[in-house]
Amino acid sequence: MKTGYILPGAALWFLLLTWSCSNSTAVDESASRRLVVQAYLFSGQPVGNIQLTTTFPLSSTDSIAPPVNDAAVTLIKNEQRYALTNTNESGFYHYPGTDLYVDPGDIFHLEVNYREAVITASTIVPAVPGNIHISDDLLLIQETVNPLPDIEMAWDIPGFGGDYFLVVIENIDTNPRMLEGINHNPPLVTPRGIFIGASEAHLTLPFTSKGISRLPQVDDPDLFISYPTSAQTFSITPAELTHSGKHLARVFRINQEYADLYISQQQNAHDLNETLSNIRNGLGIFTAFSSSDSLFFRVRQK
């Protein structure tokens, strides 16, 4: 059972727009500089995907949110504090040591001190999806009135953590060929306006299978990311794929706060509702993911 998808490699942008009307007064400068947190932890991975930016007035000519490089950022686990370091003046922060581990079941607290304000958030690292398997390791595409069955993925939900999942599929073939005659489903995810206050910012949601500690590449034709689903099965069909060859598939377990961002995107742009966020005294998201082992399958077109 599938609940939706985005086109391979499309970066999912959440555009946070301003409350405005024809007789509105000038935007307050303090409101246009609220801190935006994009903080992602991955089980078994180093801490390096913590980004801080600020909002900016809708009237601004900026197309990129201004990075924040002078904040004091701390992760707290089991009452132990870990100070993060700014990375290349880009608004990204990482932990330079080797004694911080991200394991399933860990509860993390994030603390950001910026311009006399304290911004906080908490998350738990969910348990790893269990017993992941696929029905076949070959998806054969052929012109016939009786097409061959799709590949079915399935997994268990052990332990604690989020009740939502993402399926990430990536073409890793060294010589992939474009699939011909496939009617690809149109994208169901497009940038939408979500009202949060007198400013705007961009949130970028991460994922690739090969390098989950980096943000996705825009317009990557070889990457498919599903919508969050609470199901324990997923059908891989030709409509989700663009090339033949070897593919890698993984299941990521996600928390409620991450699924909430997708829910927020369904808001009507005219509704004056704040986007869902688990950041206290700021905007954005702090969340954690765990992932299954990789599964491999091939796509061949006759």
C-alpha atoms as a PDB file:
ATOM      1  CA  MET A   1       0.000   0.000   0.000  1.00  0.00           C
ATOM      2  CA  LYS A   2       1.406   3.359  -1.045  1.00  0.00           C
ATOM      3  CA  THR A   3       0.293   6.717   0.284  1.00  0.00           C
ATOM      4  CA  GLY A   4       2.067   8.933  -2.251  1.00  0.00           C
ATOM      5  CA  TYR A   5       5.472   9.933  -3.511  1.00  0.00           C
ATOM      6  CA  ILE A   6       7.656  12.707  -4.734  1.00  0.00           C
ATOM      7  CA  LEU A   7       9.574  12.639  -7.974  1.00  0.00           C
ATOM      8  CA  PRO A   8      13.093  11.199  -7.691  1.00  0.00           C
ATOM      9  CA  GLY A   9      15.510  13.659  -6.185  1.00  0.00           C
ATOM     10  CA  ALA A  10      13.067  16.528  -5.810  1.00  0.00           C
ATOM     11  CA  ALA A  11      14.072  18.528  -2.742  1.00  0.00           C
ATOM     12  CA  LEU A  12      11.021  18.996  -0.557  1.00  0.00           C
ATOM     13  CA  TRP A  13      10.752  22.699   0.291  1.00  0.00           C
ATOM     14  CA  PHE A  14       8.353  24.061   2.862  1.00  0.00           C
ATOM     15  CA  LEU A  15       7.862  27.774   2.188  1.00  0.00           C
ATOM     16  CA  LEU A  16       6.933  29.694   5.337  1.00  0.00           C
ATOM     17  CA  LEU A  17       5.170  32.882   4.287  1.00  0.00           C
ATOM     18  CA  THR A  18       4.156  36.114   5.960  1.00  0.00           C
ATOM     19  CA  TRP A  19       0.857  37.154   7.434  1.00  0.00           C
ATOM     20  CA  SER A  20       0.002  40.115   5.251  1.00  0.00           C
ATOM     21  CA  CYS A  21      -2.897  42.179   3.974  1.00  0.00           C
ATOM     22  CA  SER A  22      -3.357  45.322   1.919  1.00  0.00           C
ATOM     23  CA  ASN A  23      -3.472  47.616   4.929  1.00  0.00           C
ATOM     24  CA  SER A  24      -0.704  45.943   6.920  1.00  0.00           C
ATOM     25  CA  THR A  25       1.950  48.033   8.608  1.00  0.00           C
ATOM     26  CA  ALA A  26       5.701  47.572   8.277  1.00  0.00           C
ATOM     27  CA  VAL A  27       6.995  44.164   9.336  1.00  0.00           C
ATOM     28  CA  ASP A  28       8.599  44.208  12.760  1.00  0.00           C
ATOM     29  CA  GLU A  29      12.339  43.586  12.425  1.00  0.00           C
ATOM     30  CA  SER A  30      12.478  41.202  15.375  1.00  0.00           C
ATOM     31  CA  ALA A  31       9.770  39.010  13.868  1.00  0.00           C
ATOM     32  CA  SER A  32      11.644  38.887  10.553  1.00  0.00           C
ATOM     33  CA  ARG A  33      14.701  37.473  12.289  1.00  0.00           C
ATOM     34  CA  ARG A  34      13.318  34.487  14.155  1.00  0.00           C
ATOM     35  CA  LEU A  35      15.627  31.499  14.365  1.00  0.00           C
ATOM     36  CA  VAL A  36      14.857  28.526  12.106  1.00  0.00           C
ATOM     37  CA  VAL A  37      16.210  25.131  13.205  1.00  0.00           C
ATOM     38  CA  GLN A  38      16.707  22.189  10.852  1.00  0.00           C
ATOM     39  CA  ALA A  39      18.267  19.488  13.013  1.00  0.00           C
ATOM     40  CA  TYR A  40      18.375  15.839  11.945  1.00  0.00           C
ATOM     41  CA  LEU A  41      19.952  12.917  13.805  1.00  0.00           C
ATOM     42  CA  PHE A  42      20.505   9.524  12.174  1.00  0.00           C
ATOM     43  CA  SER A  43      21.005   6.322  14.134  1.00  0.00           C
ATOM     44  CA  GLY A  44      24.587   5.135  13.803  1.00  0.00           C
ATOM     45  CA  GLN A  45      25.734   8.306  12.029  1.00  0.00           C
ATOM     46  CA  PRO A  46      27.916  11.227  13.178  1.00  0.00           C
ATOM     47  CA  VAL A  47      26.152  14.432  14.197  1.00  0.00           C
ATOM     48  CA  GLY A  48      26.534  16.910  11.348  1.00  0.00           C
ATOM     49  CA  ASN A  49      23.133  17.809   9.950  1.00  0.00           C
ATOM     50  CA  ILE A  50      22.220  20.663  12.284  1.00  0.00           C
ATOM     51  CA  GLN A  51      21.471  23.874  10.383  1.00  0.00           C
ATOM     52  CA  LEU A  52      20.479  27.279  11.736  1.00  0.00           C
ATOM     53  CA  THR A  53      19.094  30.110   9.645  1.00  0.00           C
ATOM     54  CA  THR A  54      16.879  33.113  10.255  1.00  0.00           C
ATOM     55  CA  THR A  55      13.620  34.157   8.746  1.00  0.00           C
ATOM     56  CA  PHE A  56      13.501  37.217   6.527  1.00  0.00           C
ATOM     57  CA  PRO A  57      10.788  39.651   5.395  1.00  0.00           C
ATOM     58  CA  LEU A  58       8.676  38.573   2.444  1.00  0.00           C
ATOM     59  CA  SER A  59       9.672  41.838   0.764  1.00  0.00           C
ATOM     60  CA  SER A  60      13.342  40.816   0.881  1.00  0.00           C
ATOM     61  CA  THR A  61      15.150  40.068  -2.376  1.00  0.00           C
ATOM     62  CA  ASP A  62      17.017  37.190  -0.711  1.00  0.00           C
ATOM     63  CA  SER A  63      16.418  33.724  -2.166  1.00  0.00           C
ATOM     64  CA  ILE A  64      18.456  31.873   0.469  1.00  0.00           C
ATOM     65  CA  ALA A  65      17.748  32.079   4.176  1.00  0.00           C
ATOM     66  CA  PRO A  66      20.583  33.865   6.025  1.00  0.00           C
ATOM     67  CA  PRO A  67      22.766  31.339   7.904  1.00  0.00           C
ATOM     68  CA  VAL A  68      23.436  31.709  11.623  1.00  0.00           C
ATOM     69  CA  ASN A  69      27.082  31.039  12.442  1.00  0.00           C
ATOM     70  CA  ASP A  70      27.427  32.642  15.878  1.00  0.00           C
ATOM     71  CA  ALA A  71      25.000  30.586  17.978  1.00  0.00           C
ATOM     72  CA  ALA A  72      26.005  28.352  20.882  1.00  0.00           C
ATOM     73  CA  VAL A  73      24.560  24.933  20.021  1.00  0.00           C
ATOM     74  CA  THR A  74      24.483  22.043  22.490  1.00  0.00           C
ATOM     75  CA  LEU A  75      23.145  18.490  22.329  1.00  0.00           C
ATOM     76  CA  ILE A  76      22.231  16.877  25.644  1.00  0.00           C
ATOM     77  CA  LYS A  77      22.051  13.105  26.146  1.00  0.00           C
ATOM     78  CA  ASN A  78      21.735  11.458  29.551  1.00  0.00           C
ATOM     79  CA  GLU A  79      22.475  14.855  31.143  1.00  0.00           C
ATOM     80  CA  GLN A  80      25.820  14.967  29.312  1.00  0.00           C
ATOM     81  CA  ARG A  81      26.318  18.142  27.266  1.00  0.00           C
ATOM     82  CA  TYR A  82      28.021  18.080  23.851  1.00  0.00           C
ATOM     83  CA  ALA A  83      28.983  21.443  22.330  1.00  0.00           C
ATOM     84  CA  LEU A  84      28.666  21.601  18.539  1.00  0.00           C
ATOM     85  CA  THR A  85      31.022  23.469  16.215  1.00  0.00           C
ATOM     86  CA  ASN A  86      30.095  25.662  13.259  1.00  0.00           C
ATOM     87  CA  THR A  87      30.943  24.125   9.883  1.00  0.00           C
ATOM     88  CA  ASN A  88      32.486  26.416   7.246  1.00  0.00           C
ATOM     89  CA  GLU A  89      30.362  29.446   8.108  1.00  0.00           C
ATOM     90  CA  SER A  90      27.388  27.853   6.332  1.00  0.00           C
ATOM     91  CA  GLY A  91      24.959  27.702   9.226  1.00  0.00           C
ATOM     92  CA  PHE A  92      25.683  23.996   9.742  1.00  0.00           C
ATOM     93  CA  TYR A  93      26.937  22.642  13.056  1.00  0.00           C
ATOM     94  CA  HIS A  94      28.586  19.313  13.850  1.00  0.00           C
ATOM     95  CA  TYR A  95      30.098  17.479  16.783  1.00  0.00           C
ATOM     96  CA  PRO A  96      33.886  17.219  16.293  1.00  0.00           C
ATOM     97  CA  GLY A  97      34.495  14.460  18.845  1.00  0.00           C
ATOM     98  CA  THR A  98      34.106  10.689  18.640  1.00  0.00           C
ATOM     99  CA  ASP A  99      32.357  10.064  21.956  1.00  0.00           C
ATOM    100  CA  LEU A 100      28.807  10.996  20.936  1.00  0.00           C
ATOM    101  CA  TYR A 101      26.707   8.091  19.717  1.00  0.00           C
ATOM    102  CA  VAL A 102      23.223   8.163  18.210  1.00  0.00           C
ATOM    103  CA  ASP A 103      21.519   4.881  19.082  1.00  0.00           C
ATOM    104  CA  PRO A 104      17.891   3.697  19.018  1.00  0.00           C
ATOM    105  CA  GLY A 105      16.151   4.651  22.239  1.00  0.00           C
ATOM    106  CA  ASP A 106      18.363   7.657  22.940  1.00  0.00           C
ATOM    107  CA  ILE A 107      16.567  10.823  24.022  1.00  0.00           C
ATOM    108  CA  PHE A 108      18.262  14.004  22.830  1.00  0.00           C
ATOM    109  CA  HIS A 109      17.661  17.586  23.855  1.00  0.00           C
ATOM    110  CA  LEU A 110      18.780  20.483  21.675  1.00  0.00           C
ATOM    111  CA  GLU A 111      19.686  23.837  23.185  1.00  0.00           C
ATOM    112  CA  VAL A 112      20.532  26.896  21.084  1.00  0.00           C
ATOM    113  CA  ASN A 113      21.622  30.187  22.618  1.00  0.00           C
ATOM    114  CA  TYR A 114      21.307  33.021  20.125  1.00  0.00           C
ATOM    115  CA  ARG A 115      21.086  36.761  20.776  1.00  0.00           C
ATOM    116  CA  GLU A 116      19.993  36.363  24.380  1.00  0.00           C
ATOM    117  CA  ALA A 117      17.277  33.876  23.394  1.00  0.00           C
ATOM    118  CA  VAL A 118      17.253  30.188  24.325  1.00  0.00           C
ATOM    119  CA  ILE A 119      15.691  27.839  21.773  1.00  0.00           C
ATOM    120  CA  THR A 120      15.062  24.222  22.811  1.00  0.00           C
ATOM    121  CA  ALA A 121      13.648  20.968  21.447  1.00  0.00           C
ATOM    122  CA  SER A 122      13.653  17.238  22.191  1.00  0.00           C
ATOM    123  CA  THR A 123      13.410  14.022  20.196  1.00  0.00           C
ATOM    124  CA  ILE A 124      13.884  10.264  20.546  1.00  0.00           C
ATOM    125  CA  VAL A 125      15.813   7.997  18.191  1.00  0.00           C
ATOM    126  CA  PRO A 126      13.246   5.425  17.009  1.00  0.00           C
ATOM    127  CA  ALA A 127      13.832   1.688  16.874  1.00  0.00           C
ATOM    128  CA  VAL A 128      15.065   0.231  13.594  1.00  0.00           C
ATOM    129  CA  PRO A 129      12.433  -1.265  11.235  1.00  0.00           C
ATOM    130  CA  GLY A 130      12.673  -5.031  11.547  1.00  0.00           C
ATOM    131  CA  ASN A 131      12.611  -8.047   9.244  1.00  0.00           C
ATOM    132  CA  ILE A 132      12.568  -6.031   6.021  1.00  0.00           C
ATOM    133  CA  HIS A 133      12.166  -8.179   2.916  1.00  0.00           C
ATOM    134  CA  ILE A 134      11.054  -7.997  -0.708  1.00  0.00           C
ATOM    135  CA  SER A 135       8.997 -10.389  -2.791  1.00  0.00           C
ATOM    136  CA  ASP A 136      11.471 -10.506  -5.694  1.00  0.00           C
ATOM    137  CA  ASP A 137      14.860  -9.116  -6.638  1.00  0.00           C
ATOM    138  CA  LEU A 138      13.895  -8.438 -10.265  1.00  0.00           C
ATOM    139  CA  LEU A 139      11.311  -6.022 -11.634  1.00  0.00           C
ATOM    140  CA  LEU A 140      10.791  -6.971 -15.275  1.00  0.00           C
ATOM    141  CA  ILE A 141       9.037  -4.358 -17.393  1.00  0.00           C
ATOM    142  CA  GLN A 142       7.472  -5.582 -20.615  1.00  0.00           C
ATOM    143  CA  GLU A 143       4.661  -4.625 -22.961  1.00  0.00           C
ATOM    144  CA  THR A 144       1.849  -7.044 -22.215  1.00  0.00           C
ATOM    145  CA  VAL A 145      -1.814  -6.992 -21.313  1.00  0.00           C
ATOM    146  CA  ASN A 146      -0.898  -9.032 -18.260  1.00  0.00           C
ATOM    147  CA  PRO A 147       2.028  -7.166 -16.667  1.00  0.00           C
ATOM    148  CA  LEU A 148       4.222  -8.962 -14.182  1.00  0.00           C
ATOM    149  CA  PRO A 149       3.625  -8.339 -10.478  1.00  0.00           C
ATOM    150  CA  ASP A 150       5.211  -5.379  -8.740  1.00  0.00           C
ATOM    151  CA  ILE A 151       7.872  -5.891  -6.092  1.00  0.00           C
ATOM    152  CA  GLU A 152       6.363  -5.851  -2.611  1.00  0.00           C
ATOM    153  CA  MET A 153       8.362  -4.606   0.373  1.00  0.00           C
ATOM    154  CA  ALA A 154       7.343  -5.466   3.940  1.00  0.00           C
ATOM    155  CA  TRP A 155       8.739  -4.923   7.424  1.00  0.00           C
ATOM    156  CA  ASP A 156       7.938  -5.258  11.121  1.00  0.00           C
ATOM    157  CA  ILE A 157       7.509  -2.520  13.725  1.00  0.00           C
ATOM    158  CA  PRO A 158       9.553  -3.565  16.749  1.00  0.00           C
ATOM    159  CA  GLY A 159      10.092  -1.599  19.918  1.00  0.00           C
ATOM    160  CA  PHE A 160       9.592   2.100  20.428  1.00  0.00           C
ATOM    161  CA  GLY A 161       9.579   5.240  18.352  1.00  0.00           C
ATOM    162  CA  GLY A 162       7.612   6.715  15.498  1.00  0.00           C
ATOM    163  CA  ASP A 163       4.757   4.927  13.800  1.00  0.00           C
ATOM    164  CA  TYR A 164       5.575   6.358  10.367  1.00  0.00           C
ATOM    165  CA  PHE A 165       7.977   5.178   7.694  1.00  0.00           C
ATOM    166  CA  LEU A 166       9.643   6.430   4.526  1.00  0.00           C
ATOM    167  CA  VAL A 167      10.812   4.223   1.679  1.00  0.00           C
ATOM    168  CA  VAL A 168      13.922   5.506  -0.121  1.00  0.00           C
ATOM    169  CA  ILE A 169      14.927   3.929  -3.438  1.00  0.00           C
ATOM    170  CA  GLU A 170      18.103   4.838  -5.283  1.00  0.00           C
ATOM    171  CA  ASN A 171      19.516   3.715  -8.610  1.00  0.00           C
ATOM    172  CA  ILE A 172      23.134   2.685  -7.984  1.00  0.00           C
ATOM    173  CA  ASP A 173      23.861   1.113 -11.365  1.00  0.00           C
ATOM    174  CA  THR A 174      27.092   2.159 -13.082  1.00  0.00           C
ATOM    175  CA  ASN A 175      25.393   2.216 -16.492  1.00  0.00           C
ATOM    176  CA  PRO A 176      21.659   2.852 -16.022  1.00  0.00           C
ATOM    177  CA  ARG A 177      19.371   3.209 -19.023  1.00  0.00           C
ATOM    178  CA  MET A 178      16.329   5.426 -19.203  1.00  0.00           C
ATOM    179  CA  LEU A 179      13.084   3.456 -19.091  1.00  0.00           C
ATOM    180  CA  GLU A 180      10.954   3.934 -22.200  1.00  0.00           C
ATOM    181  CA  GLY A 181       7.194   4.127 -22.510  1.00  0.00           C
ATOM    182  CA  ILE A 182       6.568   4.486 -18.771  1.00  0.00           C
ATOM    183  CA  ASN A 183       3.800   6.816 -17.645  1.00  0.00           C
ATOM    184  CA  HIS A 184       5.341   8.296 -14.539  1.00  0.00           C
ATOM    185  CA  ASN A 185       2.941   9.551 -11.932  1.00  0.00           C
ATOM    186  CA  PRO A 186       2.917  13.363 -11.594  1.00  0.00           C
ATOM    187  CA  PRO A 187       4.474  14.881  -8.475  1.00  0.00           C
ATOM    188  CA  LEU A 188       2.110  15.118  -5.540  1.00  0.00           C
ATOM    189  CA  VAL A 189       4.371  17.428  -3.567  1.00  0.00           C
ATOM    190  CA  THR A 190       4.880  21.036  -4.574  1.00  0.00           C
ATOM    191  CA  PRO A 191       6.009  24.066  -2.577  1.00  0.00           C
ATOM    192  CA  ARG A 192       3.047  25.493  -0.701  1.00  0.00           C
ATOM    193  CA  GLY A 193       2.598  28.545   1.464  1.00  0.00           C
ATOM    194  CA  ILE A 194       2.202  27.917   5.185  1.00  0.00           C
ATOM    195  CA  PHE A 195       1.510  30.803   7.522  1.00  0.00           C
ATOM    196  CA  ILE A 196       3.771  31.067  10.563  1.00  0.00           C
ATOM    197  CA  GLY A 197       4.225  34.773  11.256  1.00  0.00           C
ATOM    198  CA  ALA A 198       5.628  37.945   9.775  1.00  0.00           C
ATOM    199  CA  SER A 199       8.539  36.392   7.897  1.00  0.00           C
ATOM    200  CA  GLU A 200       9.532  33.538   5.613  1.00  0.00           C
ATOM    201  CA  ALA A 201      12.098  30.773   5.553  1.00  0.00           C
ATOM    202  CA  HIS A 202      12.831  27.499   3.804  1.00  0.00           C
ATOM    203  CA  LEU A 203      12.940  24.041   5.381  1.00  0.00           C
ATOM    204  CA  THR A 204      14.808  21.344   3.489  1.00  0.00           C
ATOM    205  CA  LEU A 205      13.949  17.752   4.349  1.00  0.00           C
ATOM    206  CA  PRO A 206      16.851  15.328   4.018  1.00  0.00           C
ATOM    207  CA  PHE A 207      17.282  11.972   2.378  1.00  0.00           C
ATOM    208  CA  THR A 208      19.423   9.904   0.155  1.00  0.00           C
ATOM    209  CA  SER A 209      20.224   6.271   0.732  1.00  0.00           C
ATOM    210  CA  LYS A 210      23.962   6.431   0.040  1.00  0.00           C
ATOM    211  CA  GLY A 211      24.682   9.466   2.182  1.00  0.00           C
ATOM    212  CA  ILE A 212      21.969  10.092   4.710  1.00  0.00           C
ATOM    213  CA  SER A 213      24.019  12.693   6.547  1.00  0.00           C
ATOM    214  CA  ARG A 214      23.789  15.111   3.623  1.00  0.00           C
ATOM    215  CA  LEU A 215      20.890  16.966   2.059  1.00  0.00           C
ATOM    216  CA  PRO A 216      19.422  15.601  -1.186  1.00  0.00           C
ATOM    217  CA  GLN A 217      20.575  16.841  -4.555  1.00  0.00           C
ATOM    218  CA  VAL A 218      17.960  18.820  -6.444  1.00  0.00           C
ATOM    219  CA  ASP A 219      16.724  17.186  -9.682  1.00  0.00           C
ATOM    220  CA  ASP A 220      18.471  13.874  -8.979  1.00  0.00           C
ATOM    221  CA  PRO A 221      16.708  11.527 -11.436  1.00  0.00           C
ATOM    222  CA  ASP A 222      17.758   8.380  -9.609  1.00  0.00           C
ATOM    223  CA  LEU A 223      16.169   8.981  -6.207  1.00  0.00           C
ATOM    224  CA  PHE A 224      12.652   8.160  -5.033  1.00  0.00           C
ATOM    225  CA  ILE A 225      11.295   9.128  -1.598  1.00  0.00           C
ATOM    226  CA  SER A 226       7.846   8.026  -0.500  1.00  0.00           C
ATOM    227  CA  TYR A 227       5.371   9.976   1.554  1.00  0.00           C
ATOM    228  CA  PRO A 228       5.260   9.023   5.239  1.00  0.00           C
ATOM    229  CA  THR A 229       3.161   5.908   5.697  1.00  0.00           C
ATOM    230  CA  SER A 230       1.944   3.999   8.731  1.00  0.00           C
ATOM    231  CA  ALA A 231       1.614   0.826   6.656  1.00  0.00           C
ATOM    232  CA  GLN A 232       4.073  -2.054   6.889  1.00  0.00           C
ATOM    233  CA  THR A 233       4.136  -2.704   3.152  1.00  0.00           C
ATOM    234  CA  PHE A 234       5.074  -0.784   0.022  1.00  0.00           C
ATOM    235  CA  SER A 235       4.705  -1.640  -3.677  1.00  0.00           C
ATOM    236  CA  ILE A 236       7.563  -0.793  -6.032  1.00  0.00           C
ATOM    237  CA  THR A 237       6.103  -0.145  -9.490  1.00  0.00           C
ATOM    238  CA  PRO A 238       7.605   1.120 -12.777  1.00  0.00           C
ATOM    239  CA  ALA A 239       5.829   4.441 -12.227  1.00  0.00           C
ATOM    240  CA  GLU A 240       8.226   5.270  -9.376  1.00  0.00           C
ATOM    241  CA  LEU A 241      11.385   4.463 -11.357  1.00  0.00           C
ATOM    242  CA  THR A 242      13.162   6.260 -14.180  1.00  0.00           C
ATOM    243  CA  HIS A 243      16.091   3.983 -15.071  1.00  0.00           C
ATOM    244  CA  SER A 244      16.924   0.312 -15.372  1.00  0.00           C
ATOM    245  CA  GLY A 245      19.707  -1.432 -13.501  1.00  0.00           C
ATOM    246  CA  LYS A 246      20.619  -2.084  -9.898  1.00  0.00           C
ATOM    247  CA  HIS A 247      18.633  -0.319  -7.171  1.00  0.00           C
ATOM    248  CA  LEU A 248      19.009   0.029  -3.420  1.00  0.00           C
ATOM    249  CA  ALA A 249      16.003   0.320  -1.104  1.00  0.00           C
ATOM    250  CA  ARG A 250      15.820   1.210   2.580  1.00  0.00           C
ATOM    251  CA  VAL A 251      13.038   1.845   5.065  1.00  0.00           C
ATOM    252  CA  PHE A 252      13.438   4.790   7.436  1.00  0.00           C
ATOM    253  CA  ARG A 253      11.459   5.005  10.646  1.00  0.00           C
ATOM    254  CA  ILE A 254      10.410   8.565  11.411  1.00  0.00           C
ATOM    255  CA  ASN A 255       8.881  10.423  14.327  1.00  0.00           C
ATOM    256  CA  GLN A 256       5.621  12.329  14.523  1.00  0.00           C
ATOM    257  CA  GLU A 257       7.307  15.734  14.212  1.00  0.00           C
ATOM    258  CA  TYR A 258       8.702  14.814  10.793  1.00  0.00           C
ATOM    259  CA  ALA A 259       5.367  13.501   9.557  1.00  0.00           C
ATOM    260  CA  ASP A 260       3.787  16.723  10.819  1.00  0.00           C
ATOM    261  CA  LEU A 261       5.777  18.719   8.268  1.00  0.00           C
ATOM    262  CA  TYR A 262       4.100  16.770   5.484  1.00  0.00           C
ATOM    263  CA  ILE A 263       0.740  17.318   7.155  1.00  0.00           C
ATOM    264  CA  SER A 264       1.487  21.035   7.336  1.00  0.00           C
ATOM    265  CA  GLN A 265       1.989  21.138   3.594  1.00  0.00           C
ATOM    266  CA  GLN A 266      -1.625  20.148   3.106  1.00  0.00           C
ATOM    267  CA  GLN A 267      -2.784  23.371   4.734  1.00  0.00           C
ATOM    268  CA  ASN A 268      -4.581  25.842   2.556  1.00  0.00           C
ATOM    269  CA  ALA A 269      -2.346  28.823   1.872  1.00  0.00           C
ATOM    270  CA  HIS A 270      -5.213  31.115   2.928  1.00  0.00           C
ATOM    271  CA  ASP A 271      -5.576  29.550   6.376  1.00  0.00           C
ATOM    272  CA  LEU A 272      -3.779  31.571   9.016  1.00  0.00           C
ATOM    273  CA  ASN A 273      -2.484  28.516  10.827  1.00  0.00           C
ATOM    274  CA  GLU A 274       1.023  28.153  12.140  1.00  0.00           C
ATOM    275  CA  THR A 275       3.017  25.289  10.697  1.00  0.00           C
ATOM    276  CA  LEU A 276       3.488  22.360  13.058  1.00  0.00           C
ATOM    277  CA  SER A 277       6.851  22.538  14.832  1.00  0.00           C
ATOM    278  CA  ASN A 278       8.512  20.991  17.873  1.00  0.00           C
ATOM    279  CA  ILE A 279      10.926  23.920  18.361  1.00  0.00           C
ATOM    280  CA  ARG A 280      10.271  25.989  21.479  1.00  0.00           C
ATOM    281  CA  ASN A 281      10.915  29.716  21.076  1.00  0.00           C
ATOM    282  CA  GLY A 282      11.779  29.249  17.395  1.00  0.00           C
ATOM    283  CA  LEU A 283      10.714  27.616  14.137  1.00  0.00           C
ATOM    284  CA  GLY A 284      11.622  24.424  12.307  1.00  0.00           C
ATOM    285  CA  ILE A 285      12.229  20.844  13.392  1.00  0.00           C
ATOM    286  CA  PHE A 286      14.483  18.657  15.546  1.00  0.00           C
ATOM    287  CA  THR A 287      14.010  14.961  14.868  1.00  0.00           C
ATOM    288  CA  ALA A 288      15.768  11.601  14.564  1.00  0.00           C
ATOM    289  CA  PHE A 289      15.631   8.681  12.145  1.00  0.00           C
ATOM    290  CA  SER A 290      16.615   5.044  12.076  1.00  0.00           C
ATOM    291  CA  SER A 291      16.935   2.898   8.975  1.00  0.00           C
ATOM    292  CA  SER A 292      16.762  -0.722   7.950  1.00  0.00           C
ATOM    293  CA  ASP A 293      19.470  -2.696   6.228  1.00  0.00           C
ATOM    294  CA  SER A 294      19.687  -2.148   2.489  1.00  0.00           C
ATOM    295  CA  LEU A 295      17.826  -4.353   0.039  1.00  0.00           C
ATOM    296  CA  PHE A 296      18.859  -4.667  -3.588  1.00  0.00           C
ATOM    297  CA  PHE A 297      16.844  -5.366  -6.714  1.00  0.00           C
ATOM    298  CA  ARG A 298      17.254  -4.969 -10.459  1.00  0.00           C
ATOM    299  CA  VAL A 299      15.008  -3.356 -13.027  1.00  0.00           C
ATOM    300  CA  ARG A 300      15.068  -4.715 -16.565  1.00  0.00           C
ATOM    301  CA  GLN A 301      13.007  -3.620 -19.538  1.00  0.00           C
ATOM    302  CA  LYS A 302      12.289  -6.032 -22.373  1.00  0.00           C
END
